[in-house]
Amino acid sequence: MRVREDYRTLTGPEKAAIFMLALGEDYTAKIFEHMDDDEIMEISQTMASLGKIGANVVERLFVDFAEQMSGANSLVGTQDSTERLLVKAGMSQEKIDQIMEEIRGPAGRTMWEKLGNVNEEILANFLQKEYPQTVSVVLSKVATDHAARVLALLPESFALEVIHRMLRMEAVQKEVLEDVERTLRTEFMSNLARTQRRDSHELIADIFNSLERSVETKFMDQLEKTVPESAEKIRSLMFTFEDLQNLDPAGIQTLIRAVDKDKLPLALKGATETLTDLFFSNMSERAAKIMKEDMAAMGPVRLREVEEAQQYVVSVAKDLEERGEITIASGAEEDELIY
C-alpha cells in the first residue's frame, strides 16, 4: 500500500479527515455531532480513501494546527461573513441592519471608543448644535487628546460654557449617560455610517492595491504624467507587501498565526531577503525550517501567483490593523516606536 508522505499534496478535507482519525473515535463522534449530513458524508468518504499516512505527515498536521490555534488572532472574519451568520441565526432583517450599521460605523467596541475614531471636525460640527451639558458629558468620556482637538474647533463662547460645565460636573447619573448615548446613536452615528464619504485618494489607493502589479504600474505612470500631485498622494496611501517590514515582532507573529500556511511560503518567494529574514526570525526554528523547505521545493513559480499570495497576506494584515490587533507604521520618523 502506498504511504502518503508529502504534506503539501493534502487537500482540506484530507487534512480534516487525518486530524479526526488521529483524535480517536470518541472525539471524532463528538465533532460529528456538530456537522450536517453532507459534511459527515464528505469527511467519511475521504477517511475511507486515505490509505496509509506517514507519521511525519500527521506530526506536521498537528504542528500547523497548534500554531494556528495558539492565539485568538488565528481567525479573520469579514463584515460579509458576519452578516451571513446573522441571517442564518434567524434574526429579523431590521435587527441585522441595526447590528451591521453599528459594525460599519467608526471602529470601536463602545460608543465612546467609536467617537474617538470620528474626525474632530465632524464631531465638533455636530456637538456645537447640542446643549453645553451634553457636550461636557461627551468630552469627559472620550480620550483627552481627542477632546482637546474638538474643543479647539468649537466657537469660543460655546467652548468656554462647556469648560465651565465640565468643571462643575460631578458623577454623571446612569440615566443621563444612557440618554446621551441614545442621542448620539440615533442622531449622529447612524447618519455618519450612512453619509460618511471616503477620501477619493484613499479609495483609489485601495483599488490599486487590488490590481495586478503590471496594471497598477501602468495606471500610476499615466497619473504621474497628468496629475502628479494626486499620484504622489495615492502612492503614499498604498500599502504593499514590503511595507510589512515596518511591523514590530509581535505584529509579525500575529500575522503569521492569521494567514493561510499554504500561501505564506509563496508570498515570501518573491520578497526581499530583509523581509523573509524578518518572518523567519519570528517563527520557531522548526516552523522556519519547514517553510524554507517548502519554498525550495516549489521551484520556479509564476509571478502572478506570487503577487496574488502577497495581496492575500496584505489583506489579512489590513484586516488585523482595522481591528487594532497590529499596528503598521509607515516608516516615517513620527511612526517609529520607542522602547
C-alpha atoms as a PDB file:
ATOM      1  CA  MET A   1       0.000   0.000   0.000  1.00  0.00           C
ATOM      2  CA  ARG A   2       1.302   3.463  -0.954  1.00  0.00           C
ATOM      3  CA  VAL A   3       2.201   5.653   2.031  1.00  0.00           C
ATOM      4  CA  ARG A   4       1.317   9.355   1.846  1.00  0.00           C
ATOM      5  CA  GLU A   5       4.473  11.242   2.859  1.00  0.00           C
ATOM      6  CA  ASP A   6       4.052  14.657   1.165  1.00  0.00           C
ATOM      7  CA  TYR A   7       2.084  17.029   3.393  1.00  0.00           C
ATOM      8  CA  ARG A   8       1.832  19.679   0.668  1.00  0.00           C
ATOM      9  CA  THR A   9      -0.357  17.482  -1.562  1.00  0.00           C
ATOM     10  CA  LEU A  10      -3.112  17.083   1.038  1.00  0.00           C
ATOM     11  CA  THR A  11      -6.467  18.731   0.373  1.00  0.00           C
ATOM     12  CA  GLY A  12      -8.509  20.483   3.054  1.00  0.00           C
ATOM     13  CA  PRO A  13     -10.938  17.543   3.535  1.00  0.00           C
ATOM     14  CA  GLU A  14      -7.969  15.130   3.721  1.00  0.00           C
ATOM     15  CA  LYS A  15      -6.329  17.219   6.454  1.00  0.00           C
ATOM     16  CA  ALA A  16      -9.620  17.262   8.375  1.00  0.00           C
ATOM     17  CA  ALA A  17     -10.063  13.502   7.951  1.00  0.00           C
ATOM     18  CA  ILE A  18      -6.498  12.708   9.119  1.00  0.00           C
ATOM     19  CA  PHE A  19      -6.862  15.051  12.077  1.00  0.00           C
ATOM     20  CA  MET A  20     -10.122  13.449  13.197  1.00  0.00           C
ATOM     21  CA  LEU A  21      -8.790   9.900  12.776  1.00  0.00           C
ATOM     22  CA  ALA A  22      -5.759  10.824  14.863  1.00  0.00           C
ATOM     23  CA  LEU A  23      -8.014  12.182  17.622  1.00  0.00           C
ATOM     24  CA  GLY A  24      -9.726   8.819  18.026  1.00  0.00           C
ATOM     25  CA  GLU A  25     -13.310   7.549  17.860  1.00  0.00           C
ATOM     26  CA  ASP A  26     -14.687   9.281  20.976  1.00  0.00           C
ATOM     27  CA  TYR A  27     -13.587  12.787  19.997  1.00  0.00           C
ATOM     28  CA  THR A  28     -14.474  12.272  16.329  1.00  0.00           C
ATOM     29  CA  ALA A  29     -18.006  11.228  17.326  1.00  0.00           C
ATOM     30  CA  LYS A  30     -18.393  14.467  19.320  1.00  0.00           C
ATOM     31  CA  ILE A  31     -17.198  16.524  16.331  1.00  0.00           C
ATOM     32  CA  PHE A  32     -19.659  14.734  14.017  1.00  0.00           C
ATOM     33  CA  GLU A  33     -22.490  15.872  16.328  1.00  0.00           C
ATOM     34  CA  HIS A  34     -21.781  19.475  15.207  1.00  0.00           C
ATOM     35  CA  MET A  35     -21.731  18.686  11.448  1.00  0.00           C
ATOM     36  CA  ASP A  36     -24.559  18.393   8.962  1.00  0.00           C
ATOM     37  CA  ASP A  37     -25.167  15.239   6.890  1.00  0.00           C
ATOM     38  CA  ASP A  38     -23.281  16.488   3.814  1.00  0.00           C
ATOM     39  CA  GLU A  39     -20.194  17.354   5.859  1.00  0.00           C
ATOM     40  CA  ILE A  40     -20.232  13.972   7.622  1.00  0.00           C
ATOM     41  CA  MET A  41     -20.595  12.204   4.264  1.00  0.00           C
ATOM     42  CA  GLU A  42     -17.657  14.108   2.704  1.00  0.00           C
ATOM     43  CA  ILE A  43     -15.344  13.503   5.673  1.00  0.00           C
ATOM     44  CA  SER A  44     -16.359   9.827   5.900  1.00  0.00           C
ATOM     45  CA  GLN A  45     -15.702   9.205   2.201  1.00  0.00           C
ATOM     46  CA  THR A  46     -12.355  10.967   2.480  1.00  0.00           C
ATOM     47  CA  MET A  47     -11.408   8.863   5.532  1.00  0.00           C
ATOM     48  CA  ALA A  48     -12.268   5.674   3.665  1.00  0.00           C
ATOM     49  CA  SER A  49      -9.987   6.550   0.739  1.00  0.00           C
ATOM     50  CA  LEU A  50      -6.997   7.951   2.640  1.00  0.00           C
ATOM     51  CA  GLY A  51      -4.811   4.874   2.670  1.00  0.00           C
ATOM     52  CA  LYS A  52      -1.728   4.860   4.895  1.00  0.00           C
ATOM     53  CA  ILE A  53      -0.466   8.218   6.180  1.00  0.00           C
ATOM     54  CA  GLY A  54       3.156   8.676   7.236  1.00  0.00           C
ATOM     55  CA  ALA A  55       3.862   9.633  10.861  1.00  0.00           C
ATOM     56  CA  ASN A  56       5.721  12.766   9.744  1.00  0.00           C
ATOM     57  CA  VAL A  57       2.606  13.971   7.893  1.00  0.00           C
ATOM     58  CA  VAL A  58       0.433  13.518  10.999  1.00  0.00           C
ATOM     59  CA  GLU A  59       3.037  15.345  13.108  1.00  0.00           C
ATOM     60  CA  ARG A  60       3.205  18.212  10.615  1.00  0.00           C
ATOM     61  CA  LEU A  61      -0.593  18.485  10.610  1.00  0.00           C
ATOM     62  CA  PHE A  62      -0.747  18.783  14.402  1.00  0.00           C
ATOM     63  CA  VAL A  63       2.113  21.315  14.465  1.00  0.00           C
ATOM     64  CA  ASP A  64       0.278  23.509  11.932  1.00  0.00           C
ATOM     65  CA  PHE A  65      -2.998  23.179  13.836  1.00  0.00           C
ATOM     66  CA  ALA A  66      -1.362  24.075  17.158  1.00  0.00           C
ATOM     67  CA  GLU A  67       0.364  27.114  15.653  1.00  0.00           C
ATOM     68  CA  GLN A  68      -2.844  28.387  14.073  1.00  0.00           C
ATOM     69  CA  MET A  69      -4.839  27.962  17.282  1.00  0.00           C
ATOM     70  CA  SER A  70      -2.160  29.247  19.662  1.00  0.00           C
ATOM     71  CA  GLY A  71      -3.655  32.740  19.626  1.00  0.00           C
ATOM     72  CA  ALA A  72      -7.104  34.277  19.227  1.00  0.00           C
ATOM     73  CA  ASN A  73      -5.774  36.068  16.147  1.00  0.00           C
ATOM     74  CA  SER A  74      -5.869  32.877  14.074  1.00  0.00           C
ATOM     75  CA  LEU A  75      -9.351  33.662  12.738  1.00  0.00           C
ATOM     76  CA  VAL A  76     -10.092  36.552  10.412  1.00  0.00           C
ATOM     77  CA  GLY A  77     -13.733  37.442   9.862  1.00  0.00           C
ATOM     78  CA  THR A  78     -15.323  39.958   7.492  1.00  0.00           C
ATOM     79  CA  GLN A  79     -18.447  42.098   7.539  1.00  0.00           C
ATOM     80  CA  ASP A  80     -19.991  39.935   4.795  1.00  0.00           C
ATOM     81  CA  SER A  81     -19.369  36.661   6.666  1.00  0.00           C
ATOM     82  CA  THR A  82     -20.769  38.202   9.854  1.00  0.00           C
ATOM     83  CA  GLU A  83     -23.937  39.328   8.067  1.00  0.00           C
ATOM     84  CA  ARG A  84     -24.406  35.837   6.559  1.00  0.00           C
ATOM     85  CA  LEU A  85     -24.047  34.331  10.041  1.00  0.00           C
ATOM     86  CA  LEU A  86     -26.717  36.675  11.441  1.00  0.00           C
ATOM     87  CA  VAL A  87     -29.077  35.734   8.586  1.00  0.00           C
ATOM     88  CA  LYS A  88     -28.547  32.017   9.330  1.00  0.00           C
ATOM     89  CA  ALA A  89     -29.200  32.686  13.023  1.00  0.00           C
ATOM     90  CA  GLY A  90     -32.758  33.640  12.046  1.00  0.00           C
ATOM     91  CA  MET A  91     -32.678  37.291  13.127  1.00  0.00           C
ATOM     92  CA  SER A  92     -35.093  39.779  11.608  1.00  0.00           C
ATOM     93  CA  GLN A  93     -33.719  41.953   8.805  1.00  0.00           C
ATOM     94  CA  GLU A  94     -34.381  45.053  10.913  1.00  0.00           C
ATOM     95  CA  LYS A  95     -32.219  43.681  13.756  1.00  0.00           C
ATOM     96  CA  ILE A  96     -29.489  42.587  11.318  1.00  0.00           C
ATOM     97  CA  ASP A  97     -29.452  46.052   9.710  1.00  0.00           C
ATOM     98  CA  GLN A  98     -29.143  47.655  13.156  1.00  0.00           C
ATOM     99  CA  ILE A  99     -26.205  45.425  14.137  1.00  0.00           C
ATOM    100  CA  MET A 100     -24.400  45.859  10.799  1.00  0.00           C
ATOM    101  CA  GLU A 101     -24.926  49.643  10.976  1.00  0.00           C
ATOM    102  CA  GLU A 102     -23.068  49.630  14.286  1.00  0.00           C
ATOM    103  CA  ILE A 103     -20.307  47.456  12.816  1.00  0.00           C
ATOM    104  CA  ARG A 104     -19.901  49.594   9.693  1.00  0.00           C
ATOM    105  CA  GLY A 105     -19.701  52.790  11.750  1.00  0.00           C
ATOM    106  CA  PRO A 106     -16.343  54.066  13.050  1.00  0.00           C
ATOM    107  CA  ALA A 107     -14.370  51.278  14.734  1.00  0.00           C
ATOM    108  CA  GLY A 108     -14.756  50.718  18.475  1.00  0.00           C
ATOM    109  CA  ARG A 109     -16.483  48.454  20.967  1.00  0.00           C
ATOM    110  CA  THR A 110     -18.356  51.165  22.910  1.00  0.00           C
ATOM    111  CA  MET A 111     -19.993  54.402  21.831  1.00  0.00           C
ATOM    112  CA  TRP A 112     -17.136  56.399  23.381  1.00  0.00           C
ATOM    113  CA  GLU A 113     -14.483  54.353  21.565  1.00  0.00           C
ATOM    114  CA  LYS A 114     -16.378  54.898  18.316  1.00  0.00           C
ATOM    115  CA  LEU A 115     -16.450  58.659  18.906  1.00  0.00           C
ATOM    116  CA  GLY A 116     -12.691  58.591  19.435  1.00  0.00           C
ATOM    117  CA  ASN A 117     -12.357  57.439  15.812  1.00  0.00           C
ATOM    118  CA  VAL A 118     -14.580  60.164  14.356  1.00  0.00           C
ATOM    119  CA  ASN A 119     -12.809  63.085  12.683  1.00  0.00           C
ATOM    120  CA  GLU A 120     -12.702  66.004  15.163  1.00  0.00           C
ATOM    121  CA  GLU A 121     -14.147  68.473  12.623  1.00  0.00           C
ATOM    122  CA  ILE A 122     -17.187  66.251  12.008  1.00  0.00           C
ATOM    123  CA  LEU A 123     -17.677  65.709  15.742  1.00  0.00           C
ATOM    124  CA  ALA A 124     -17.262  69.429  16.583  1.00  0.00           C
ATOM    125  CA  ASN A 125     -19.733  70.382  13.857  1.00  0.00           C
ATOM    126  CA  PHE A 126     -22.336  68.076  15.390  1.00  0.00           C
ATOM    127  CA  LEU A 127     -21.668  68.955  19.056  1.00  0.00           C
ATOM    128  CA  GLN A 128     -21.924  72.744  18.617  1.00  0.00           C
ATOM    129  CA  LYS A 129     -25.612  72.232  17.880  1.00  0.00           C
ATOM    130  CA  GLU A 130     -26.153  70.354  21.177  1.00  0.00           C
ATOM    131  CA  TYR A 131     -26.651  71.628  24.727  1.00  0.00           C
ATOM    132  CA  PRO A 132     -23.373  72.552  26.513  1.00  0.00           C
ATOM    133  CA  GLN A 133     -24.222  69.998  29.240  1.00  0.00           C
ATOM    134  CA  THR A 134     -24.449  67.207  26.631  1.00  0.00           C
ATOM    135  CA  VAL A 135     -21.143  68.278  25.082  1.00  0.00           C
ATOM    136  CA  SER A 136     -19.454  68.343  28.503  1.00  0.00           C
ATOM    137  CA  VAL A 137     -20.546  64.736  29.107  1.00  0.00           C
ATOM    138  CA  VAL A 138     -19.247  63.637  25.691  1.00  0.00           C
ATOM    139  CA  LEU A 139     -15.864  65.364  26.088  1.00  0.00           C
ATOM    140  CA  SER A 140     -15.429  63.897  29.561  1.00  0.00           C
ATOM    141  CA  LYS A 141     -15.862  60.373  28.165  1.00  0.00           C
ATOM    142  CA  VAL A 142     -13.594  60.440  25.083  1.00  0.00           C
ATOM    143  CA  ALA A 143      -9.785  60.439  25.158  1.00  0.00           C
ATOM    144  CA  THR A 144      -8.353  63.744  26.405  1.00  0.00           C
ATOM    145  CA  ASP A 145      -6.277  64.421  23.260  1.00  0.00           C
ATOM    146  CA  HIS A 146      -9.349  63.931  21.076  1.00  0.00           C
ATOM    147  CA  ALA A 147     -11.435  66.113  23.413  1.00  0.00           C
ATOM    148  CA  ALA A 148      -8.788  68.861  23.144  1.00  0.00           C
ATOM    149  CA  ARG A 149      -8.908  68.855  19.338  1.00  0.00           C
ATOM    150  CA  VAL A 150     -12.719  69.002  19.336  1.00  0.00           C
ATOM    151  CA  LEU A 151     -12.798  71.774  21.951  1.00  0.00           C
ATOM    152  CA  ALA A 152     -10.401  73.909  19.896  1.00  0.00           C
ATOM    153  CA  LEU A 153     -12.814  73.767  16.942  1.00  0.00           C
ATOM    154  CA  LEU A 154     -15.911  74.860  18.871  1.00  0.00           C
ATOM    155  CA  PRO A 155     -16.958  78.569  18.890  1.00  0.00           C
ATOM    156  CA  GLU A 156     -15.016  80.262  21.726  1.00  0.00           C
ATOM    157  CA  SER A 157     -18.017  81.339  23.831  1.00  0.00           C
ATOM    158  CA  PHE A 158     -19.632  77.901  23.464  1.00  0.00           C
ATOM    159  CA  ALA A 159     -16.326  76.150  24.306  1.00  0.00           C
ATOM    160  CA  LEU A 160     -15.970  78.245  27.489  1.00  0.00           C
ATOM    161  CA  GLU A 161     -19.502  77.322  28.562  1.00  0.00           C
ATOM    162  CA  VAL A 162     -18.647  73.648  28.019  1.00  0.00           C
ATOM    163  CA  ILE A 163     -15.457  74.024  30.096  1.00  0.00           C
ATOM    164  CA  HIS A 164     -17.443  75.637  32.959  1.00  0.00           C
ATOM    165  CA  ARG A 165     -19.923  72.742  32.848  1.00  0.00           C
ATOM    166  CA  MET A 166     -17.066  70.216  32.946  1.00  0.00           C
ATOM    167  CA  LEU A 167     -15.514  71.981  35.945  1.00  0.00           C
ATOM    168  CA  ARG A 168     -18.807  71.793  37.859  1.00  0.00           C
ATOM    169  CA  MET A 169     -19.630  68.293  36.707  1.00  0.00           C
ATOM    170  CA  GLU A 170     -19.880  65.556  39.311  1.00  0.00           C
ATOM    171  CA  ALA A 171     -20.531  61.862  38.718  1.00  0.00           C
ATOM    172  CA  VAL A 172     -22.848  61.541  35.723  1.00  0.00           C
ATOM    173  CA  GLN A 173     -26.053  59.677  36.512  1.00  0.00           C
ATOM    174  CA  LYS A 174     -26.563  56.446  34.619  1.00  0.00           C
ATOM    175  CA  GLU A 175     -29.857  57.677  33.146  1.00  0.00           C
ATOM    176  CA  VAL A 176     -28.211  60.852  31.800  1.00  0.00           C
ATOM    177  CA  LEU A 177     -25.370  58.871  30.283  1.00  0.00           C
ATOM    178  CA  GLU A 178     -27.769  56.435  28.616  1.00  0.00           C
ATOM    179  CA  ASP A 179     -29.800  59.365  27.249  1.00  0.00           C
ATOM    180  CA  VAL A 180     -26.677  60.973  25.761  1.00  0.00           C
ATOM    181  CA  GLU A 181     -25.614  57.647  24.231  1.00  0.00           C
ATOM    182  CA  ARG A 182     -29.085  57.198  22.732  1.00  0.00           C
ATOM    183  CA  THR A 183     -28.961  60.687  21.217  1.00  0.00           C
ATOM    184  CA  LEU A 184     -25.517  60.069  19.731  1.00  0.00           C
ATOM    185  CA  ARG A 185     -26.538  56.699  18.321  1.00  0.00           C
ATOM    186  CA  THR A 186     -29.800  57.815  16.725  1.00  0.00           C
ATOM    187  CA  GLU A 187     -28.905  61.345  15.609  1.00  0.00           C
ATOM    188  CA  PHE A 188     -25.211  61.091  14.849  1.00  0.00           C
ATOM    189  CA  MET A 189     -23.593  57.666  14.483  1.00  0.00           C
ATOM    190  CA  SER A 190     -26.307  56.163  12.254  1.00  0.00           C
ATOM    191  CA  ASN A 191     -26.245  59.202   9.938  1.00  0.00           C
ATOM    192  CA  LEU A 192     -22.447  59.155   9.908  1.00  0.00           C
ATOM    193  CA  ALA A 193     -22.371  55.488   8.919  1.00  0.00           C
ATOM    194  CA  ARG A 194     -24.702  56.231   6.003  1.00  0.00           C
ATOM    195  CA  THR A 195     -23.235  59.509   4.782  1.00  0.00           C
ATOM    196  CA  GLN A 196     -19.527  59.426   5.634  1.00  0.00           C
ATOM    197  CA  ARG A 197     -17.577  59.533   2.374  1.00  0.00           C
ATOM    198  CA  ARG A 198     -14.069  58.280   1.947  1.00  0.00           C
ATOM    199  CA  ASP A 199     -11.331  60.469   0.618  1.00  0.00           C
ATOM    200  CA  SER A 200     -11.109  59.829  -3.154  1.00  0.00           C
ATOM    201  CA  HIS A 201      -7.346  59.266  -2.965  1.00  0.00           C
ATOM    202  CA  GLU A 202      -7.836  56.608  -0.267  1.00  0.00           C
ATOM    203  CA  LEU A 203     -10.446  54.886  -2.437  1.00  0.00           C
ATOM    204  CA  ILE A 204      -8.157  54.798  -5.493  1.00  0.00           C
ATOM    205  CA  ALA A 205      -5.220  53.605  -3.341  1.00  0.00           C
ATOM    206  CA  ASP A 206      -7.321  50.662  -2.081  1.00  0.00           C
ATOM    207  CA  ILE A 207      -8.414  49.834  -5.633  1.00  0.00           C
ATOM    208  CA  PHE A 208      -4.809  49.994  -6.880  1.00  0.00           C
ATOM    209  CA  ASN A 209      -3.761  47.670  -4.043  1.00  0.00           C
ATOM    210  CA  SER A 210      -6.078  45.044  -5.511  1.00  0.00           C
ATOM    211  CA  LEU A 211      -4.817  45.368  -9.096  1.00  0.00           C
ATOM    212  CA  GLU A 212      -2.175  43.174 -10.688  1.00  0.00           C
ATOM    213  CA  ARG A 213       1.203  44.878 -10.337  1.00  0.00           C
ATOM    214  CA  SER A 214       1.635  45.482 -14.077  1.00  0.00           C
ATOM    215  CA  VAL A 215      -1.822  47.090 -14.427  1.00  0.00           C
ATOM    216  CA  GLU A 216      -1.335  49.235 -11.326  1.00  0.00           C
ATOM    217  CA  THR A 217       2.057  50.420 -12.598  1.00  0.00           C
ATOM    218  CA  LYS A 218       0.542  51.362 -15.961  1.00  0.00           C
ATOM    219  CA  PHE A 219      -2.213  53.440 -14.344  1.00  0.00           C
ATOM    220  CA  MET A 220       0.191  55.057 -11.900  1.00  0.00           C
ATOM    221  CA  ASP A 221       2.572  56.038 -14.712  1.00  0.00           C
ATOM    222  CA  GLN A 222      -0.283  57.771 -16.534  1.00  0.00           C
ATOM    223  CA  LEU A 223      -1.424  59.594 -13.379  1.00  0.00           C
ATOM    224  CA  GLU A 224       2.123  60.823 -12.737  1.00  0.00           C
ATOM    225  CA  LYS A 225       2.055  62.476 -16.153  1.00  0.00           C
ATOM    226  CA  THR A 226      -1.421  64.034 -15.867  1.00  0.00           C
ATOM    227  CA  VAL A 227      -1.966  64.676 -12.120  1.00  0.00           C
ATOM    228  CA  PRO A 228       1.429  64.250 -10.407  1.00  0.00           C
ATOM    229  CA  GLU A 229       0.253  65.608  -7.033  1.00  0.00           C
ATOM    230  CA  SER A 230      -2.622  63.123  -6.862  1.00  0.00           C
ATOM    231  CA  ALA A 231      -0.327  60.304  -7.991  1.00  0.00           C
ATOM    232  CA  GLU A 232       2.101  61.090  -5.182  1.00  0.00           C
ATOM    233  CA  LYS A 233      -0.697  61.117  -2.587  1.00  0.00           C
ATOM    234  CA  ILE A 234      -2.125  57.821  -3.883  1.00  0.00           C
ATOM    235  CA  ARG A 235       1.326  56.198  -3.796  1.00  0.00           C
ATOM    236  CA  SER A 236       1.821  57.313  -0.174  1.00  0.00           C
ATOM    237  CA  LEU A 237      -1.556  55.767   0.786  1.00  0.00           C
ATOM    238  CA  MET A 238      -0.956  52.462  -0.973  1.00  0.00           C
ATOM    239  CA  PHE A 239       0.090  49.537   1.178  1.00  0.00           C
ATOM    240  CA  THR A 240       2.429  46.960  -0.316  1.00  0.00           C
ATOM    241  CA  PHE A 241       3.765  43.603   0.813  1.00  0.00           C
ATOM    242  CA  GLU A 242       7.183  45.138   1.500  1.00  0.00           C
ATOM    243  CA  ASP A 243       5.559  47.598   3.933  1.00  0.00           C
ATOM    244  CA  LEU A 244       5.157  44.630   6.293  1.00  0.00           C
ATOM    245  CA  GLN A 245       8.785  45.141   7.273  1.00  0.00           C
ATOM    246  CA  ASN A 246       7.508  48.067   9.388  1.00  0.00           C
ATOM    247  CA  LEU A 247       5.664  45.638  11.673  1.00  0.00           C
ATOM    248  CA  ASP A 248       7.118  45.017  15.104  1.00  0.00           C
ATOM    249  CA  PRO A 249       7.940  41.400  16.155  1.00  0.00           C
ATOM    250  CA  ALA A 250       4.576  40.964  17.945  1.00  0.00           C
ATOM    251  CA  GLY A 251       2.754  42.168  14.810  1.00  0.00           C
ATOM    252  CA  ILE A 252       4.674  39.773  12.555  1.00  0.00           C
ATOM    253  CA  GLN A 253       3.878  36.869  14.909  1.00  0.00           C
ATOM    254  CA  THR A 254       0.185  37.816  14.946  1.00  0.00           C
ATOM    255  CA  LEU A 255       0.149  37.949  11.142  1.00  0.00           C
ATOM    256  CA  ILE A 256       1.912  34.574  10.842  1.00  0.00           C
ATOM    257  CA  ARG A 257      -0.773  32.974  13.034  1.00  0.00           C
ATOM    258  CA  ALA A 258      -3.569  34.553  10.992  1.00  0.00           C
ATOM    259  CA  VAL A 259      -2.532  33.752   7.408  1.00  0.00           C
ATOM    260  CA  ASP A 260      -3.025  30.526   5.484  1.00  0.00           C
ATOM    261  CA  LYS A 261       0.150  28.483   5.948  1.00  0.00           C
ATOM    262  CA  ASP A 262      -0.003  27.323   2.314  1.00  0.00           C
ATOM    263  CA  LYS A 263       0.048  30.882   0.946  1.00  0.00           C
ATOM    264  CA  LEU A 264       2.764  32.448   3.089  1.00  0.00           C
ATOM    265  CA  PRO A 265       5.693  30.469   1.525  1.00  0.00           C
ATOM    266  CA  LEU A 266       4.502  31.512  -1.951  1.00  0.00           C
ATOM    267  CA  ALA A 267       4.233  35.172  -0.858  1.00  0.00           C
ATOM    268  CA  LEU A 268       7.736  35.114   0.655  1.00  0.00           C
ATOM    269  CA  LYS A 269       9.127  33.510  -2.500  1.00  0.00           C
ATOM    270  CA  GLY A 270       9.088  36.925  -4.179  1.00  0.00           C
ATOM    271  CA  ALA A 271      10.007  39.030  -1.129  1.00  0.00           C
ATOM    272  CA  THR A 272      13.276  40.771  -0.340  1.00  0.00           C
ATOM    273  CA  GLU A 273      15.818  38.989   1.827  1.00  0.00           C
ATOM    274  CA  THR A 274      15.214  41.547   4.585  1.00  0.00           C
ATOM    275  CA  LEU A 275      11.505  40.734   4.742  1.00  0.00           C
ATOM    276  CA  THR A 276      11.923  36.947   4.539  1.00  0.00           C
ATOM    277  CA  ASP A 277      14.501  37.098   7.344  1.00  0.00           C
ATOM    278  CA  LEU A 278      12.056  39.140   9.427  1.00  0.00           C
ATOM    279  CA  PHE A 279       9.355  36.482   9.047  1.00  0.00           C
ATOM    280  CA  PHE A 280      11.719  33.557   9.712  1.00  0.00           C
ATOM    281  CA  SER A 281      13.191  35.231  12.805  1.00  0.00           C
ATOM    282  CA  ASN A 282       9.698  35.475  14.301  1.00  0.00           C
ATOM    283  CA  MET A 283       8.903  31.780  13.820  1.00  0.00           C
ATOM    284  CA  SER A 284      10.053  28.806  15.820  1.00  0.00           C
ATOM    285  CA  GLU A 285      13.224  27.250  14.421  1.00  0.00           C
ATOM    286  CA  ARG A 286      11.248  24.188  13.350  1.00  0.00           C
ATOM    287  CA  ALA A 287       8.499  26.193  11.601  1.00  0.00           C
ATOM    288  CA  ALA A 288      11.086  28.330   9.767  1.00  0.00           C
ATOM    289  CA  LYS A 289      12.941  25.196   8.621  1.00  0.00           C
ATOM    290  CA  ILE A 290       9.726  23.635   7.298  1.00  0.00           C
ATOM    291  CA  MET A 291       8.768  26.825   5.444  1.00  0.00           C
ATOM    292  CA  LYS A 292      12.216  27.168   3.861  1.00  0.00           C
ATOM    293  CA  GLU A 293      11.952  23.549   2.680  1.00  0.00           C
ATOM    294  CA  ASP A 294       8.500  24.240   1.228  1.00  0.00           C
ATOM    295  CA  MET A 295       9.813  27.300  -0.631  1.00  0.00           C
ATOM    296  CA  ALA A 296      12.783  25.366  -2.025  1.00  0.00           C
ATOM    297  CA  ALA A 297      10.546  22.507  -3.140  1.00  0.00           C
ATOM    298  CA  MET A 298       8.317  24.868  -5.152  1.00  0.00           C
ATOM    299  CA  GLY A 299      10.919  25.511  -7.797  1.00  0.00           C
ATOM    300  CA  PRO A 300      10.090  28.284 -10.299  1.00  0.00           C
ATOM    301  CA  VAL A 301       6.678  29.891  -9.711  1.00  0.00           C
ATOM    302  CA  ARG A 302       4.617  32.315 -11.756  1.00  0.00           C
ATOM    303  CA  LEU A 303       4.944  35.995 -10.841  1.00  0.00           C
ATOM    304  CA  ARG A 304       1.169  36.353 -10.902  1.00  0.00           C
ATOM    305  CA  GLU A 305       0.764  33.576  -8.304  1.00  0.00           C
ATOM    306  CA  VAL A 306       3.335  35.232  -6.032  1.00  0.00           C
ATOM    307  CA  GLU A 307       1.592  38.612  -6.340  1.00  0.00           C
ATOM    308  CA  GLU A 308      -1.803  37.057  -5.566  1.00  0.00           C
ATOM    309  CA  ALA A 309      -0.363  35.394  -2.444  1.00  0.00           C
ATOM    310  CA  GLN A 310       1.258  38.664  -1.353  1.00  0.00           C
ATOM    311  CA  GLN A 311      -2.000  40.550  -1.942  1.00  0.00           C
ATOM    312  CA  TYR A 312      -3.793  37.986   0.255  1.00  0.00           C
ATOM    313  CA  VAL A 313      -1.252  38.459   3.093  1.00  0.00           C
ATOM    314  CA  VAL A 314      -1.603  42.259   2.782  1.00  0.00           C
ATOM    315  CA  SER A 315      -5.415  41.994   3.008  1.00  0.00           C
ATOM    316  CA  VAL A 316      -5.138  39.894   6.187  1.00  0.00           C
ATOM    317  CA  ALA A 317      -2.697  42.452   7.655  1.00  0.00           C
ATOM    318  CA  LYS A 318      -5.104  45.304   6.874  1.00  0.00           C
ATOM    319  CA  ASP A 319      -7.995  43.401   8.491  1.00  0.00           C
ATOM    320  CA  LEU A 320      -5.888  42.872  11.624  1.00  0.00           C
ATOM    321  CA  GLU A 321      -4.901  46.552  11.687  1.00  0.00           C
ATOM    322  CA  GLU A 322      -8.558  47.630  11.339  1.00  0.00           C
ATOM    323  CA  ARG A 323      -9.373  45.537  14.401  1.00  0.00           C
ATOM    324  CA  GLY A 324      -6.469  47.066  16.315  1.00  0.00           C
ATOM    325  CA  GLU A 325      -4.633  43.758  16.652  1.00  0.00           C
ATOM    326  CA  ILE A 326      -1.500  45.006  14.881  1.00  0.00           C
ATOM    327  CA  THR A 327      -0.050  48.441  14.100  1.00  0.00           C
ATOM    328  CA  ILE A 328       1.541  49.042  10.711  1.00  0.00           C
ATOM    329  CA  ALA A 329       3.885  52.036  10.878  1.00  0.00           C
ATOM    330  CA  SER A 330       4.531  53.989   7.691  1.00  0.00           C
ATOM    331  CA  GLY A 331       8.267  54.040   8.227  1.00  0.00           C
ATOM    332  CA  ALA A 332       8.258  57.795   8.828  1.00  0.00           C
ATOM    333  CA  GLU A 333      10.106  59.126  11.877  1.00  0.00           C
ATOM    334  CA  GLU A 334       6.920  60.094  13.699  1.00  0.00           C
ATOM    335  CA  ASP A 335       5.734  56.468  13.454  1.00  0.00           C
ATOM    336  CA  GLU A 336       8.854  54.974  14.998  1.00  0.00           C
ATOM    337  CA  LEU A 337       8.312  53.003  18.199  1.00  0.00           C
ATOM    338  CA  ILE A 338      10.258  53.986  21.330  1.00  0.00           C
ATOM    339  CA  TYR A 339      11.118  51.163  23.758  1.00  0.00           C
END
